[in-house]
Amino acid sequence: ERLYFGRNVGSTVGVTDSAWSVFVRDVVGARLEGFT
């Protein structure tokens, strides 16, 4: 499964690298054993 997450909110980048890192750690990592 591939999930494509857009980063823009409106016409500007709203999802920063650090926000993504927190999301991966707190949300993705808490639900999946392995991912890339």
Full PDB file with SEQRES, HELIX, SHEET, SSBOND, CRYST1, ORIGX, SCALE, CONECT and MASTER records, all heavy atoms in Angstrom:
SEQRES   1 A   36  GLU ARG LEU TYR PHE GLY ARG ASN VAL GLY SER THR VAL          
SEQRES   2 A   36  GLY VAL THR ASP SER ALA TRP SER VAL PHE VAL ARG ASP          
SEQRES   3 A   36  VAL VAL GLY ALA ARG LEU GLU GLY PHE THR                      
HELIX    1 AA1 ASP A   17  PHE A   23  1                                   7    
HELIX    2 AA2 VAL A   24  VAL A   28  3                                   5    
HELIX    3 AA3 GLY A   29  ARG A   31  1                                   3    
CRYST1    1.000    1.000    1.000  90.00  90.00  90.00 P 1           1          
ORIGX1      1.000000  0.000000  0.000000        0.00000                         
ORIGX2      0.000000  1.000000  0.000000        0.00000                         
ORIGX3      0.000000  0.000000  1.000000        0.00000                         
SCALE1      1.000000  0.000000  0.000000        0.00000                         
SCALE2      0.000000  1.000000  0.000000        0.00000                         
SCALE3      0.000000  0.000000  1.000000        0.00000                         
ATOM      1  N   GLU A   1       0.852  -1.186   0.000  1.00  0.00           N  
ATOM      2  CA  GLU A   1       0.000   0.000   0.000  1.00  0.00           C  
ATOM      3  C   GLU A   1       0.885   1.232   0.000  1.00  0.00           C  
ATOM      4  O   GLU A   1       1.866   1.307   0.743  1.00  0.00           O  
ATOM      5  CB  GLU A   1      -0.896   0.026   1.237  1.00  0.00           C  
ATOM      6  CG  GLU A   1      -1.791  -1.189   1.306  1.00  0.00           C  
ATOM      7  CD  GLU A   1      -3.045  -0.958   2.100  1.00  0.00           C  
ATOM      8  OE1 GLU A   1      -3.586   0.178   2.045  1.00  0.00           O  
ATOM      9  OE2 GLU A   1      -3.495  -1.897   2.755  1.00  0.00           O  
ATOM     10  N   ARG A   2       0.531   2.170  -0.851  1.00  0.00           N  
ATOM     11  CA  ARG A   2       1.211   3.466  -0.877  1.00  0.00           C  
ATOM     12  C   ARG A   2       0.197   4.537  -0.556  1.00  0.00           C  
ATOM     13  O   ARG A   2      -0.879   4.586  -1.141  1.00  0.00           O  
ATOM     14  CB  ARG A   2       1.826   3.744  -2.244  1.00  0.00           C  
ATOM     15  CG  ARG A   2       3.132   3.054  -2.439  1.00  0.00           C  
ATOM     16  CD  ARG A   2       3.861   3.581  -3.641  1.00  0.00           C  
ATOM     17  NE  ARG A   2       5.106   2.851  -3.796  1.00  0.00           N  
ATOM     18  CZ  ARG A   2       5.812   2.850  -4.886  1.00  0.00           C  
ATOM     19  NH1 ARG A   2       5.432   3.567  -5.933  1.00  0.00           N  
ATOM     20  NH2 ARG A   2       6.935   2.164  -4.952  1.00  0.00           N  
ATOM     21  N   LEU A   3       0.600   5.394   0.364  1.00  0.00           N  
ATOM     22  CA  LEU A   3      -0.230   6.531   0.734  1.00  0.00           C  
ATOM     23  C   LEU A   3       0.503   7.797   0.323  1.00  0.00           C  
ATOM     24  O   LEU A   3       1.695   7.952   0.612  1.00  0.00           O  
ATOM     25  CB  LEU A   3      -0.486   6.546   2.243  1.00  0.00           C  
ATOM     26  CG  LEU A   3      -1.083   5.279   2.832  1.00  0.00           C  
ATOM     27  CD1 LEU A   3      -1.201   5.414   4.342  1.00  0.00           C  
ATOM     28  CD2 LEU A   3      -2.419   4.960   2.213  1.00  0.00           C  
ATOM     29  N   TYR A   4      -0.203   8.702  -0.336  1.00  0.00           N  
ATOM     30  CA  TYR A   4       0.377   9.950  -0.814  1.00  0.00           C  
ATOM     31  C   TYR A   4      -0.225  11.101  -0.007  1.00  0.00           C  
ATOM     32  O   TYR A   4      -1.425  11.354  -0.072  1.00  0.00           O  
ATOM     33  CB  TYR A   4       0.081  10.135  -2.304  1.00  0.00           C  
ATOM     34  CG  TYR A   4       0.734   9.085  -3.177  1.00  0.00           C  
ATOM     35  CD1 TYR A   4       0.156   7.833  -3.355  1.00  0.00           C  
ATOM     36  CD2 TYR A   4       1.940   9.353  -3.811  1.00  0.00           C  
ATOM     37  CE1 TYR A   4       0.763   6.866  -4.149  1.00  0.00           C  
ATOM     38  CE2 TYR A   4       2.555   8.403  -4.611  1.00  0.00           C  
ATOM     39  CZ  TYR A   4       1.955   7.164  -4.770  1.00  0.00           C  
ATOM     40  OH  TYR A   4       2.566   6.209  -5.560  1.00  0.00           O  
ATOM     41  N   PHE A   5       0.627  11.763   0.770  1.00  0.00           N  
ATOM     42  CA  PHE A   5       0.215  12.832   1.657  1.00  0.00           C  
ATOM     43  C   PHE A   5       0.685  14.165   1.095  1.00  0.00           C  
ATOM     44  O   PHE A   5       1.889  14.454   1.083  1.00  0.00           O  
ATOM     45  CB  PHE A   5       0.847  12.657   3.042  1.00  0.00           C  
ATOM     46  CG  PHE A   5       0.476  11.381   3.744  1.00  0.00           C  
ATOM     47  CD1 PHE A   5       1.245  10.245   3.576  1.00  0.00           C  
ATOM     48  CD2 PHE A   5      -0.631  11.329   4.582  1.00  0.00           C  
ATOM     49  CE1 PHE A   5       0.926   9.065   4.241  1.00  0.00           C  
ATOM     50  CE2 PHE A   5      -0.954  10.159   5.249  1.00  0.00           C  
ATOM     51  CZ  PHE A   5      -0.180   9.027   5.082  1.00  0.00           C  
ATOM     52  N   GLY A   6      -0.242  14.980   0.641  1.00  0.00           N  
ATOM     53  CA  GLY A   6       0.116  16.322   0.193  1.00  0.00           C  
ATOM     54  C   GLY A   6       0.497  17.185   1.382  1.00  0.00           C  
ATOM     55  O   GLY A   6      -0.019  17.005   2.487  1.00  0.00           O  
ATOM     56  N   ARG A   7       1.397  18.133   1.164  1.00  0.00           N  
ATOM     57  CA  ARG A   7       1.895  18.975   2.263  1.00  0.00           C  
ATOM     58  C   ARG A   7       1.292  20.373   2.270  1.00  0.00           C  
ATOM     59  O   ARG A   7       1.427  21.098   3.248  1.00  0.00           O  
ATOM     60  CB  ARG A   7       3.413  19.081   2.184  1.00  0.00           C  
ATOM     61  CG  ARG A   7       4.093  17.742   2.347  1.00  0.00           C  
ATOM     62  CD  ARG A   7       5.578  17.845   2.205  1.00  0.00           C  
ATOM     63  NE  ARG A   7       6.145  18.626   3.318  1.00  0.00           N  
ATOM     64  CZ  ARG A   7       7.445  18.852   3.449  1.00  0.00           C  
ATOM     65  NH1 ARG A   7       8.307  18.394   2.567  1.00  0.00           N  
ATOM     66  NH2 ARG A   7       7.893  19.567   4.467  1.00  0.00           N  
ATOM     67  N   ASN A   8       0.653  20.772   1.191  1.00  0.00           N  
ATOM     68  CA  ASN A   8       0.114  22.131   1.132  1.00  0.00           C  
ATOM     69  C   ASN A   8      -1.179  22.248   1.928  1.00  0.00           C  
ATOM     70  O   ASN A   8      -2.003  21.332   1.938  1.00  0.00           O  
ATOM     71  CB  ASN A   8      -0.171  22.548  -0.315  1.00  0.00           C  
ATOM     72  CG  ASN A   8       1.088  22.889  -1.065  1.00  0.00           C  
ATOM     73  OD1 ASN A   8       2.187  22.905  -0.516  1.00  0.00           O  
ATOM     74  ND2 ASN A   8       0.939  23.164  -2.353  1.00  0.00           N  
ATOM     75  N   VAL A   9      -1.320  23.391   2.566  1.00  0.00           N  
ATOM     76  CA  VAL A   9      -2.590  23.809   3.149  1.00  0.00           C  
ATOM     77  C   VAL A   9      -2.918  25.088   2.412  1.00  0.00           C  
ATOM     78  O   VAL A   9      -2.231  26.090   2.571  1.00  0.00           O  
ATOM     79  CB  VAL A   9      -2.478  24.025   4.669  1.00  0.00           C  
ATOM     80  CG1 VAL A   9      -3.796  24.552   5.225  1.00  0.00           C  
ATOM     81  CG2 VAL A   9      -2.067  22.737   5.367  1.00  0.00           C  
ATOM     82  N   GLY A  10      -3.915  25.006   1.560  1.00  0.00           N  
ATOM     83  CA  GLY A  10      -4.159  26.115   0.639  1.00  0.00           C  
ATOM     84  C   GLY A  10      -3.067  26.105  -0.412  1.00  0.00           C  
ATOM     85  O   GLY A  10      -2.782  25.073  -1.011  1.00  0.00           O  
ATOM     86  N   SER A  11      -2.408  27.235  -0.592  1.00  0.00           N  
ATOM     87  CA  SER A  11      -1.350  27.311  -1.609  1.00  0.00           C  
ATOM     88  C   SER A  11       0.052  27.343  -1.001  1.00  0.00           C  
ATOM     89  O   SER A  11       1.022  27.559  -1.714  1.00  0.00           O  
ATOM     90  CB  SER A  11      -1.570  28.535  -2.491  1.00  0.00           C  
ATOM     91  OG  SER A  11      -1.528  29.699  -1.690  1.00  0.00           O  
ATOM     92  N   THR A  12       0.157  27.140   0.312  1.00  0.00           N  
ATOM     93  CA  THR A  12       1.466  27.155   0.952  1.00  0.00           C  
ATOM     94  C   THR A  12       1.746  25.831   1.667  1.00  0.00           C  
ATOM     95  O   THR A  12       0.817  25.111   2.027  1.00  0.00           O  
ATOM     96  CB  THR A  12       1.569  28.298   1.990  1.00  0.00           C  
ATOM     97  OG1 THR A  12       0.586  28.075   3.003  1.00  0.00           O  
ATOM     98  CG2 THR A  12       1.340  29.656   1.356  1.00  0.00           C  
ATOM     99  N   VAL A  13       3.020  25.550   1.855  1.00  0.00           N  
ATOM    100  CA  VAL A  13       3.400  24.322   2.552  1.00  0.00           C  
ATOM    101  C   VAL A  13       2.998  24.468   4.018  1.00  0.00           C  
ATOM    102  O   VAL A  13       3.503  25.330   4.731  1.00  0.00           O  
ATOM    103  CB  VAL A  13       4.910  24.040   2.425  1.00  0.00           C  
ATOM    104  CG1 VAL A  13       5.300  22.835   3.281  1.00  0.00           C  
ATOM    105  CG2 VAL A  13       5.289  23.802   0.971  1.00  0.00           C  
ATOM    106  N   GLY A  14       2.073  23.624   4.447  1.00  0.00           N  
ATOM    107  CA  GLY A  14       1.583  23.684   5.816  1.00  0.00           C  
ATOM    108  C   GLY A  14       2.084  22.546   6.678  1.00  0.00           C  
ATOM    109  O   GLY A  14       2.010  22.607   7.895  1.00  0.00           O  
ATOM    110  N   VAL A  15       2.577  21.496   6.036  1.00  0.00           N  
ATOM    111  CA  VAL A  15       3.093  20.351   6.780  1.00  0.00           C  
ATOM    112  C   VAL A  15       4.618  20.397   6.684  1.00  0.00           C  
ATOM    113  O   VAL A  15       5.200  20.034   5.662  1.00  0.00           O  
ATOM    114  CB  VAL A  15       2.547  19.020   6.220  1.00  0.00           C  
ATOM    115  CG1 VAL A  15       3.046  17.854   7.069  1.00  0.00           C  
ATOM    116  CG2 VAL A  15       1.017  19.035   6.177  1.00  0.00           C  
ATOM    117  N   THR A  16       5.231  20.883   7.732  1.00  0.00           N  
ATOM    118  CA  THR A  16       6.689  21.019   7.755  1.00  0.00           C  
ATOM    119  C   THR A  16       7.347  19.658   7.965  1.00  0.00           C  
ATOM    120  O   THR A  16       6.687  18.680   8.346  1.00  0.00           O  
ATOM    121  CB  THR A  16       7.113  21.946   8.902  1.00  0.00           C  
ATOM    122  OG1 THR A  16       6.730  21.344  10.140  1.00  0.00           O  
ATOM    123  CG2 THR A  16       6.473  23.323   8.761  1.00  0.00           C  
ATOM    124  N   ASP A  17       8.654  19.613   7.738  1.00  0.00           N  
ATOM    125  CA  ASP A  17       9.405  18.379   7.992  1.00  0.00           C  
ATOM    126  C   ASP A  17       9.272  17.947   9.449  1.00  0.00           C  
ATOM    127  O   ASP A  17       9.108  16.761   9.744  1.00  0.00           O  
ATOM    128  CB  ASP A  17      10.881  18.548   7.633  1.00  0.00           C  
ATOM    129  CG  ASP A  17      11.119  18.640   6.137  1.00  0.00           C  
ATOM    130  OD1 ASP A  17      10.212  18.274   5.357  1.00  0.00           O  
ATOM    131  OD2 ASP A  17      12.210  19.079   5.744  1.00  0.00           O  
ATOM    132  N   SER A  18       9.341  18.910  10.363  1.00  0.00           N  
ATOM    133  CA  SER A  18       9.249  18.555  11.781  1.00  0.00           C  
ATOM    134  C   SER A  18       7.842  18.078  12.148  1.00  0.00           C  
ATOM    135  O   SER A  18       7.693  17.145  12.938  1.00  0.00           O  
ATOM    136  CB  SER A  18       9.684  19.721  12.669  1.00  0.00           C  
ATOM    137  OG  SER A  18       8.862  20.840  12.451  1.00  0.00           O  
ATOM    138  N   ALA A  19       6.811  18.682  11.578  1.00  0.00           N  
ATOM    139  CA  ALA A  19       5.436  18.226  11.834  1.00  0.00           C  
ATOM    140  C   ALA A  19       5.244  16.814  11.296  1.00  0.00           C  
ATOM    141  O   ALA A  19       4.585  15.975  11.925  1.00  0.00           O  
ATOM    142  CB  ALA A  19       4.435  19.187  11.208  1.00  0.00           C  
ATOM    143  N   TRP A  20       5.823  16.529  10.116  1.00  0.00           N  
ATOM    144  CA  TRP A  20       5.750  15.187   9.549  1.00  0.00           C  
ATOM    145  C   TRP A  20       6.474  14.182  10.457  1.00  0.00           C  
ATOM    146  O   TRP A  20       5.964  13.088  10.710  1.00  0.00           O  
ATOM    147  CB  TRP A  20       6.330  15.160   8.143  1.00  0.00           C  
ATOM    148  CG  TRP A  20       6.466  13.780   7.577  1.00  0.00           C  
ATOM    149  CD1 TRP A  20       7.623  13.072   7.430  1.00  0.00           C  
ATOM    150  CD2 TRP A  20       5.420  12.923   7.097  1.00  0.00           C  
ATOM    151  NE1 TRP A  20       7.361  11.837   6.890  1.00  0.00           N  
ATOM    152  CE2 TRP A  20       6.018  11.717   6.669  1.00  0.00           C  
ATOM    153  CE3 TRP A  20       4.040  13.051   6.987  1.00  0.00           C  
ATOM    154  CZ2 TRP A  20       5.284  10.656   6.140  1.00  0.00           C  
ATOM    155  CZ3 TRP A  20       3.298  11.993   6.458  1.00  0.00           C  
ATOM    156  CH2 TRP A  20       3.918  10.819   6.046  1.00  0.00           C  
ATOM    157  N   SER A  21       7.635  14.549  10.967  1.00  0.00           N  
ATOM    158  CA  SER A  21       8.389  13.659  11.852  1.00  0.00           C  
ATOM    159  C   SER A  21       7.584  13.303  13.101  1.00  0.00           C  
ATOM    160  O   SER A  21       7.569  12.146  13.533  1.00  0.00           O  
ATOM    161  CB  SER A  21       9.711  14.298  12.260  1.00  0.00           C  
ATOM    162  OG  SER A  21      10.554  14.410  11.145  1.00  0.00           O  
ATOM    163  N   VAL A  22       6.921  14.285  13.662  1.00  0.00           N  
ATOM    164  CA  VAL A  22       6.080  14.032  14.838  1.00  0.00           C  
ATOM    165  C   VAL A  22       4.916  13.119  14.455  1.00  0.00           C  
ATOM    166  O   VAL A  22       4.575  12.178  15.186  1.00  0.00           O  
ATOM    167  CB  VAL A  22       5.575  15.356  15.447  1.00  0.00           C  
ATOM    168  CG1 VAL A  22       4.505  15.111  16.507  1.00  0.00           C  
ATOM    169  CG2 VAL A  22       6.744  16.144  16.020  1.00  0.00           C  
ATOM    170  N   PHE A  23       4.303  13.373  13.317  1.00  0.00           N  
ATOM    171  CA  PHE A  23       3.187  12.544  12.841  1.00  0.00           C  
ATOM    172  C   PHE A  23       3.638  11.095  12.643  1.00  0.00           C  
ATOM    173  O   PHE A  23       2.948  10.162  13.069  1.00  0.00           O  
ATOM    174  CB  PHE A  23       2.629  13.124  11.537  1.00  0.00           C  
ATOM    175  CG  PHE A  23       1.476  12.353  10.979  1.00  0.00           C  
ATOM    176  CD1 PHE A  23       0.208  12.501  11.514  1.00  0.00           C  
ATOM    177  CD2 PHE A  23       1.655  11.472   9.925  1.00  0.00           C  
ATOM    178  CE1 PHE A  23      -0.868  11.779  11.005  1.00  0.00           C  
ATOM    179  CE2 PHE A  23       0.597  10.749   9.409  1.00  0.00           C  
ATOM    180  CZ  PHE A  23      -0.677  10.905   9.952  1.00  0.00           C  
ATOM    181  N   VAL A  24       4.785  10.904  12.018  1.00  0.00           N  
ATOM    182  CA  VAL A  24       5.302   9.545  11.792  1.00  0.00           C  
ATOM    183  C   VAL A  24       5.550   8.852  13.128  1.00  0.00           C  
ATOM    184  O   VAL A  24       5.170   7.699  13.329  1.00  0.00           O  
ATOM    185  CB  VAL A  24       6.575   9.566  10.915  1.00  0.00           C  
ATOM    186  CG1 VAL A  24       7.276   8.220  10.929  1.00  0.00           C  
ATOM    187  CG2 VAL A  24       6.225   9.976   9.490  1.00  0.00           C  
ATOM    188  N   ARG A  25       6.174   9.557  14.042  1.00  0.00           N  
ATOM    189  CA  ARG A  25       6.487   8.958  15.351  1.00  0.00           C  
ATOM    190  C   ARG A  25       5.220   8.635  16.145  1.00  0.00           C  
ATOM    191  O   ARG A  25       5.047   7.520  16.639  1.00  0.00           O  
ATOM    192  CB  ARG A  25       7.370   9.906  16.155  1.00  0.00           C  
ATOM    193  CG  ARG A  25       7.805   9.328  17.499  1.00  0.00           C  
ATOM    194  CD  ARG A  25       8.468  10.354  18.393  1.00  0.00           C  
ATOM    195  NE  ARG A  25       7.457  11.324  18.824  1.00  0.00           N  
ATOM    196  CZ  ARG A  25       7.664  12.647  18.878  1.00  0.00           C  
ATOM    197  NH1 ARG A  25       8.839  13.154  18.550  1.00  0.00           N  
ATOM    198  NH2 ARG A  25       6.722  13.461  19.273  1.00  0.00           N  
ATOM    199  N   ASP A  26       4.317   9.609  16.260  1.00  0.00           N  
ATOM    200  CA  ASP A  26       3.164   9.467  17.142  1.00  0.00           C  
ATOM    201  C   ASP A  26       1.983   8.722  16.536  1.00  0.00           C  
ATOM    202  O   ASP A  26       1.245   8.054  17.254  1.00  0.00           O  
ATOM    203  CB  ASP A  26       2.672  10.849  17.598  1.00  0.00           C  
ATOM    204  CG  ASP A  26       3.686  11.573  18.456  1.00  0.00           C  
ATOM    205  OD1 ASP A  26       4.687  10.944  18.886  1.00  0.00           O  
ATOM    206  OD2 ASP A  26       3.485  12.779  18.697  1.00  0.00           O  
ATOM    207  N   VAL A  27       1.800   8.833  15.237  1.00  0.00           N  
ATOM    208  CA  VAL A  27       0.613   8.251  14.606  1.00  0.00           C  
ATOM    209  C   VAL A  27       0.962   7.002  13.807  1.00  0.00           C  
ATOM    210  O   VAL A  27       0.403   5.928  14.042  1.00  0.00           O  
ATOM    211  CB  VAL A  27      -0.104   9.295  13.713  1.00  0.00           C  
ATOM    212  CG1 VAL A  27      -1.309   8.691  13.018  1.00  0.00           C  
ATOM    213  CG2 VAL A  27      -0.509  10.514  14.543  1.00  0.00           C  
ATOM    214  N   VAL A  28       1.881   7.132  12.867  1.00  0.00           N  
ATOM    215  CA  VAL A  28       2.221   5.991  12.004  1.00  0.00           C  
ATOM    216  C   VAL A  28       2.937   4.909  12.804  1.00  0.00           C  
ATOM    217  O   VAL A  28       2.539   3.737  12.783  1.00  0.00           O  
ATOM    218  CB  VAL A  28       3.079   6.445  10.793  1.00  0.00           C  
ATOM    219  CG1 VAL A  28       3.465   5.253   9.936  1.00  0.00           C  
ATOM    220  CG2 VAL A  28       2.332   7.492   9.968  1.00  0.00           C  
ATOM    221  N   GLY A  29       3.975   5.288  13.517  1.00  0.00           N  
ATOM    222  CA  GLY A  29       4.749   4.322  14.286  1.00  0.00           C  
ATOM    223  C   GLY A  29       3.954   3.627  15.373  1.00  0.00           C  
ATOM    224  O   GLY A  29       4.245   2.488  15.736  1.00  0.00           O  
ATOM    225  N   ALA A  30       2.941   4.305  15.899  1.00  0.00           N  
ATOM    226  CA  ALA A  30       2.098   3.697  16.929  1.00  0.00           C  
ATOM    227  C   ALA A  30       1.141   2.662  16.357  1.00  0.00           C  
ATOM    228  O   ALA A  30       0.645   1.805  17.086  1.00  0.00           O  
ATOM    229  CB  ALA A  30       1.302   4.790  17.655  1.00  0.00           C  
ATOM    230  N   ARG A  31       0.900   2.704  15.031  1.00  0.00           N  
ATOM    231  CA  ARG A  31      -0.094   1.810  14.432  1.00  0.00           C  
ATOM    232  C   ARG A  31       0.495   0.726  13.538  1.00  0.00           C  
ATOM    233  O   ARG A  31      -0.158  -0.277  13.272  1.00  0.00           O  
ATOM    234  CB  ARG A  31      -1.098   2.638  13.640  1.00  0.00           C  
ATOM    235  CG  ARG A  31      -2.018   3.436  14.535  1.00  0.00           C  
ATOM    236  CD  ARG A  31      -2.941   4.328  13.715  1.00  0.00           C  
ATOM    237  NE  ARG A  31      -3.934   4.965  14.561  1.00  0.00           N  
ATOM    238  CZ  ARG A  31      -3.727   6.065  15.292  1.00  0.00           C  
ATOM    239  NH1 ARG A  31      -2.528   6.625  15.282  1.00  0.00           N  
ATOM    240  NH2 ARG A  31      -4.688   6.587  16.018  1.00  0.00           N  
ATOM    241  N   LEU A  32       1.701   0.957  13.017  1.00  0.00           N  
ATOM    242  CA  LEU A  32       2.292  -0.005  12.080  1.00  0.00           C  
ATOM    243  C   LEU A  32       3.620  -0.518  12.605  1.00  0.00           C  
ATOM    244  O   LEU A  32       4.412   0.247  13.158  1.00  0.00           O  
ATOM    245  CB  LEU A  32       2.507   0.662  10.714  1.00  0.00           C  
ATOM    246  CG  LEU A  32       1.270   1.174   9.988  1.00  0.00           C  
ATOM    247  CD1 LEU A  32       1.680   1.942   8.745  1.00  0.00           C  
ATOM    248  CD2 LEU A  32       0.332   0.031   9.641  1.00  0.00           C  
ATOM    249  N   GLU A  33       3.877  -1.791  12.387  1.00  0.00           N  
ATOM    250  CA  GLU A  33       5.143  -2.394  12.810  1.00  0.00           C  
ATOM    251  C   GLU A  33       6.288  -2.023  11.875  1.00  0.00           C  
ATOM    252  O   GLU A  33       7.428  -1.913  12.296  1.00  0.00           O  
ATOM    253  CB  GLU A  33       5.006  -3.911  12.868  1.00  0.00           C  
ATOM    254  CG  GLU A  33       4.109  -4.389  13.977  1.00  0.00           C  
ATOM    255  CD  GLU A  33       4.037  -5.894  14.037  1.00  0.00           C  
ATOM    256  OE1 GLU A  33       4.963  -6.572  13.545  1.00  0.00           O  
ATOM    257  OE2 GLU A  33       3.050  -6.390  14.576  1.00  0.00           O  
ATOM    258  N   GLY A  34       5.999  -1.864  10.596  1.00  0.00           N  
ATOM    259  CA  GLY A  34       7.035  -1.533   9.634  1.00  0.00           C  
ATOM    260  C   GLY A  34       6.478  -0.707   8.486  1.00  0.00           C  
ATOM    261  O   GLY A  34       5.331  -0.876   8.089  1.00  0.00           O  
ATOM    262  N   PHE A  35       7.293   0.192   7.977  1.00  0.00           N  
ATOM    263  CA  PHE A  35       6.882   1.055   6.872  1.00  0.00           C  
ATOM    264  C   PHE A  35       8.118   1.756   6.334  1.00  0.00           C  
ATOM    265  O   PHE A  35       9.177   1.760   6.967  1.00  0.00           O  
ATOM    266  CB  PHE A  35       5.834   2.082   7.316  1.00  0.00           C  
ATOM    267  CG  PHE A  35       6.271   2.906   8.499  1.00  0.00           C  
ATOM    268  CD1 PHE A  35       6.972   4.087   8.328  1.00  0.00           C  
ATOM    269  CD2 PHE A  35       5.988   2.483   9.783  1.00  0.00           C  
ATOM    270  CE1 PHE A  35       7.390   4.829   9.415  1.00  0.00           C  
ATOM    271  CE2 PHE A  35       6.392   3.220  10.885  1.00  0.00           C  
ATOM    272  CZ  PHE A  35       7.099   4.402  10.700  1.00  0.00           C  
ATOM    273  N   THR A  36       7.967   2.360   5.169  1.00  0.00           N  
ATOM    274  CA  THR A  36       9.013   3.168   4.556  1.00  0.00           C  
ATOM    275  C   THR A  36       8.359   4.454   4.077  1.00  0.00           C  
ATOM    276  O   THR A  36       7.220   4.434   3.604  1.00  0.00           O  
ATOM    277  CB  THR A  36       9.636   2.424   3.356  1.00  0.00           C  
ATOM    278  OG1 THR A  36      10.165   1.181   3.804  1.00  0.00           O  
ATOM    279  CG2 THR A  36      10.733   3.238   2.699  1.00  0.00           C  
TER     280      THR A  36                                                      
MASTER        0    0    0    3    0    0    0    6  279    1    0    3          
END                                                                             
